[in-house]
Protein backbone atom coordinates (compact mmCIF):
# COMPACT_ATOMS: atom_id res chain seq x y z
CA UNK A 1 -41.00 9.21 -78.32
CA UNK A 2 -39.17 5.85 -77.59
CA UNK A 3 -37.89 7.32 -74.56
CA UNK A 4 -41.09 8.11 -72.73
CA UNK A 5 -42.07 4.56 -73.67
CA UNK A 6 -38.85 3.32 -72.37
CA UNK A 7 -39.12 5.77 -69.05
CA UNK A 8 -42.85 4.55 -68.55
CA UNK A 9 -41.55 0.91 -68.96
CA UNK A 10 -38.91 1.77 -66.11
CA UNK A 11 -41.25 3.22 -63.46
CA UNK A 12 -43.94 0.07 -64.07
CA UNK A 13 -41.29 -2.64 -63.45
CA UNK A 14 -40.14 -0.32 -60.26
CA UNK A 15 -43.59 -0.20 -59.12
CA UNK A 16 -43.78 -4.17 -59.35
CA UNK A 17 -40.52 -4.46 -57.35
CA UNK A 18 -41.33 -2.37 -54.99
CA UNK A 19 -44.95 -4.21 -54.41
CA UNK A 20 -42.68 -7.84 -54.07
CA UNK A 21 -40.27 -6.28 -52.12
CA UNK A 22 -43.13 -5.14 -49.51
CA UNK A 23 -45.00 -8.66 -50.19
CA UNK A 24 -41.95 -10.39 -49.28
CA UNK A 25 -41.62 -8.27 -46.04
CA UNK A 26 -44.93 -9.26 -44.79
CA UNK A 27 -43.79 -13.21 -44.64
CA UNK A 28 -42.58 -14.50 -42.03
CA UNK A 29 -39.17 -16.17 -41.14
CA UNK A 30 -39.00 -17.05 -38.40
CA UNK A 31 -37.26 -13.28 -36.72
CA UNK A 32 -39.19 -10.69 -35.55
CA UNK A 33 -39.84 -7.79 -37.83
CA UNK A 34 -41.75 -4.63 -37.55
CA UNK A 35 -42.55 -5.12 -41.18
CA UNK A 36 -44.35 -8.49 -40.60
CA UNK A 37 -47.21 -5.92 -39.06
CA UNK A 38 -47.60 -3.69 -42.13
CA UNK A 39 -50.91 -5.26 -43.32
CA UNK A 40 -52.47 -5.38 -40.26
CA UNK A 41 -55.37 -3.04 -40.15
CA UNK A 42 -56.85 -1.82 -36.59
CA UNK A 43 -60.64 -0.52 -36.31
CA UNK A 44 -59.35 3.31 -34.93
CA UNK A 45 -62.78 5.21 -34.43
CA UNK A 46 -64.23 3.21 -37.09
CA UNK A 47 -61.07 3.42 -40.03
CA UNK A 48 -59.02 1.16 -40.39
CA UNK A 49 -55.04 2.21 -39.55
CA UNK A 50 -52.26 1.23 -39.84
CA UNK A 51 -50.59 -0.39 -36.35
CA UNK A 52 -46.95 1.47 -37.18
CA UNK A 53 -49.74 4.90 -36.59
CA UNK A 54 -51.15 3.98 -33.34
CA UNK A 55 -47.91 2.35 -31.42
CA UNK A 56 -44.40 2.07 -31.19
CA UNK A 57 -43.06 -1.22 -32.35
CA UNK A 58 -39.96 -2.40 -30.78
CA UNK A 59 -37.75 -5.95 -31.36
CA UNK A 60 -36.23 -6.85 -27.63
CA UNK A 61 -34.94 -10.18 -28.93
CA UNK A 62 -35.16 -12.21 -32.51
CA UNK A 63 -38.25 -13.92 -31.81
CA UNK A 64 -40.20 -10.97 -30.04
CA UNK A 65 -42.46 -7.97 -30.66
CA UNK A 66 -43.16 -4.96 -28.42
CA UNK A 67 -46.02 -2.90 -29.20
CA UNK A 68 -46.38 -0.03 -27.15
CA UNK A 69 -49.81 1.91 -27.87
CA UNK A 70 -49.62 5.43 -27.74
CA UNK A 71 -54.00 5.32 -26.80
CA UNK A 72 -53.81 3.17 -23.93
CA UNK A 73 -57.30 2.19 -24.57
CA UNK A 74 -56.51 0.55 -27.80
CA UNK A 75 -55.06 -2.29 -26.89
CA UNK A 76 -57.88 -4.61 -27.16
CA UNK A 77 -58.56 -3.00 -30.74
CA UNK A 78 -55.05 -4.05 -31.58
CA UNK A 79 -55.25 -7.26 -29.64
CA UNK A 80 -58.15 -8.28 -32.17
CA UNK A 81 -56.70 -7.23 -35.04
CA UNK A 82 -53.45 -9.02 -34.95
CA UNK A 83 -55.34 -12.35 -33.65
CA UNK A 84 -58.13 -11.76 -36.81
CA UNK A 85 -55.05 -11.24 -39.11
CA UNK A 86 -53.33 -14.37 -40.99
CA UNK A 87 -50.18 -13.89 -38.94
CA UNK A 88 -51.03 -16.97 -36.71
CA UNK A 89 -50.11 -15.41 -33.70
CA UNK A 90 -51.50 -14.59 -30.32
CA UNK A 91 -51.03 -11.49 -28.20
CA UNK A 92 -50.69 -10.92 -24.73
CA UNK A 93 -50.94 -7.83 -22.74
CA UNK A 94 -50.09 -6.23 -19.52
CA UNK A 95 -52.21 -3.08 -19.91
CA UNK A 96 -49.13 -1.18 -21.12
CA UNK A 97 -48.15 -3.25 -23.74
CA UNK A 98 -48.87 -6.07 -26.03
CA UNK A 99 -46.17 -8.75 -26.74
CA UNK A 100 -45.66 -11.27 -29.62
CA UNK A 101 -43.96 -14.05 -29.25
CA UNK A 102 -42.72 -15.93 -32.79
CA UNK A 103 -42.61 -19.71 -32.45
CA UNK A 104 -39.56 -21.42 -33.73
CA UNK A 105 -40.71 -22.47 -37.64
CA UNK A 106 -41.08 -26.24 -38.32
CA UNK A 107 -39.46 -27.65 -41.29
CA UNK A 108 -42.50 -28.21 -43.23
CA UNK A 109 -43.97 -24.64 -42.57
CA UNK A 110 -40.46 -23.26 -43.54
CA UNK A 111 -40.51 -25.44 -47.05
CA UNK A 112 -44.39 -24.00 -47.08
CA UNK A 113 -42.56 -20.28 -46.84
CA UNK A 114 -40.29 -21.06 -49.64
CA UNK A 115 -43.01 -22.24 -52.17
CA UNK A 116 -44.80 -18.81 -50.84
CA UNK A 117 -42.49 -16.72 -51.69
CA UNK A 118 -41.27 -18.35 -54.93
CA UNK A 119 -45.29 -17.69 -55.96
CA UNK A 120 -44.71 -14.31 -55.03
CA UNK A 121 -41.85 -14.09 -57.21
CA UNK A 122 -43.03 -15.76 -60.35
CA UNK A 123 -45.89 -13.28 -60.13
CA UNK A 124 -43.84 -10.47 -59.71
CA UNK A 125 -42.00 -11.60 -63.19
CA UNK A 126 -45.28 -12.52 -64.76
CA UNK A 127 -45.87 -8.34 -64.15
CA UNK A 128 -42.23 -7.39 -65.32
CA UNK A 129 -43.14 -9.31 -68.41
CA UNK A 130 -46.43 -7.90 -68.74
CA UNK A 131 -44.87 -4.05 -68.75
CA UNK A 132 -42.49 -5.85 -71.71
CA UNK A 133 -44.85 -6.62 -74.00
CA UNK A 134 -47.36 -3.91 -73.10
CA UNK A 135 -44.30 -1.34 -74.64
CA UNK A 136 -42.98 -3.12 -77.25
CA UNK A 137 -46.58 -3.73 -78.29
CA UNK A 138 -46.55 0.38 -78.23
CA UNK A 139 -43.57 0.81 -80.30
CA UNK A 140 -44.38 -1.73 -82.60
CA UNK A 141 -47.56 0.63 -82.77
CA UNK A 142 -45.57 4.24 -83.18
CA UNK A 143 -43.30 2.20 -85.97
CA UNK A 144 -46.75 0.94 -87.68
CA UNK A 145 -48.12 4.50 -87.75
CA UNK A 146 -44.62 6.18 -89.23
CA UNK A 147 -43.78 8.10 -85.86
CA UNK A 148 -40.90 6.38 -85.04
CA UNK A 149 -38.47 4.20 -87.51
CA UNK A 150 -38.29 0.44 -87.78
CA UNK A 151 -34.72 0.60 -86.60
CA UNK A 152 -35.32 3.05 -83.56
CA UNK A 153 -38.35 0.57 -82.70
CA UNK A 154 -35.99 -2.25 -82.36
CA UNK A 155 -33.20 -0.54 -80.64
CA UNK A 156 -36.29 0.51 -78.33
CA UNK A 157 -37.00 -2.82 -77.96
CA UNK A 158 -33.63 -4.47 -77.06
CA UNK A 159 -33.13 -1.33 -74.18
CA UNK A 160 -36.97 -2.88 -73.22
CA UNK A 161 -35.11 -6.11 -73.11
CA UNK A 162 -32.22 -5.07 -71.17
CA UNK A 163 -35.00 -3.46 -68.78
CA UNK A 164 -36.70 -6.46 -68.40
CA UNK A 165 -33.43 -8.69 -67.63
CA UNK A 166 -32.42 -6.65 -64.91
CA UNK A 167 -35.37 -6.23 -63.12
CA UNK A 168 -36.14 -9.99 -63.29
CA UNK A 169 -32.28 -10.33 -61.75
CA UNK A 170 -33.24 -8.17 -58.93
CA UNK A 171 -36.48 -9.95 -58.38
CA UNK A 172 -34.29 -13.41 -58.16
CA UNK A 173 -31.68 -11.82 -55.49
CA UNK A 174 -34.60 -10.72 -53.22
CA UNK A 175 -35.72 -14.22 -53.49
CA UNK A 176 -32.93 -16.37 -52.97
CA UNK A 177 -31.78 -13.42 -50.08
CA UNK A 178 -35.33 -14.30 -48.34
CA UNK A 179 -35.50 -18.06 -49.17
CA UNK A 180 -32.11 -17.78 -47.22
CA UNK A 181 -33.63 -16.08 -44.62
CA UNK A 182 -36.81 -18.73 -43.96
CA UNK A 183 -33.87 -21.93 -44.11
CA UNK A 184 -31.86 -20.09 -41.87
CA UNK A 185 -32.68 -22.02 -38.06
């Protein structure tokens, strides 16, 4: 019974960590990456579709993203979607490809991005801690109902805490790496 609770907690913590990593990938750090476009949805014949499903994305230079749509008639729709997004980038097109030039980040903007990623990290830590609390509550309830002994519950709670510590440490590692990437000139 305790193994099921631990397995569920670990799985949910992994999902929280993955969500945090996806959010970090979408934060622009002055360097071009296809992950910047993951949240952008293009109105493709009435269906919101990710750009990755409509085009090939290349990074020929550190500050340039080139989008080559498979269907050339969608260039205008892709440009509009990028302009409407919160990326703050202005697409340019030559009728065949769309180019996104990433401007150099100012020191003030870098500081704002660091604050943003710290907030994202704190949200991820809170999510992991909430999973810990729910798992511990479940274990206490099982002990109260007599399905497991109090010693088993205490041992399982210690294992949940170790899991929590491991995931919190991974969040800190990802945060540190992203901060370093943002502050890199």
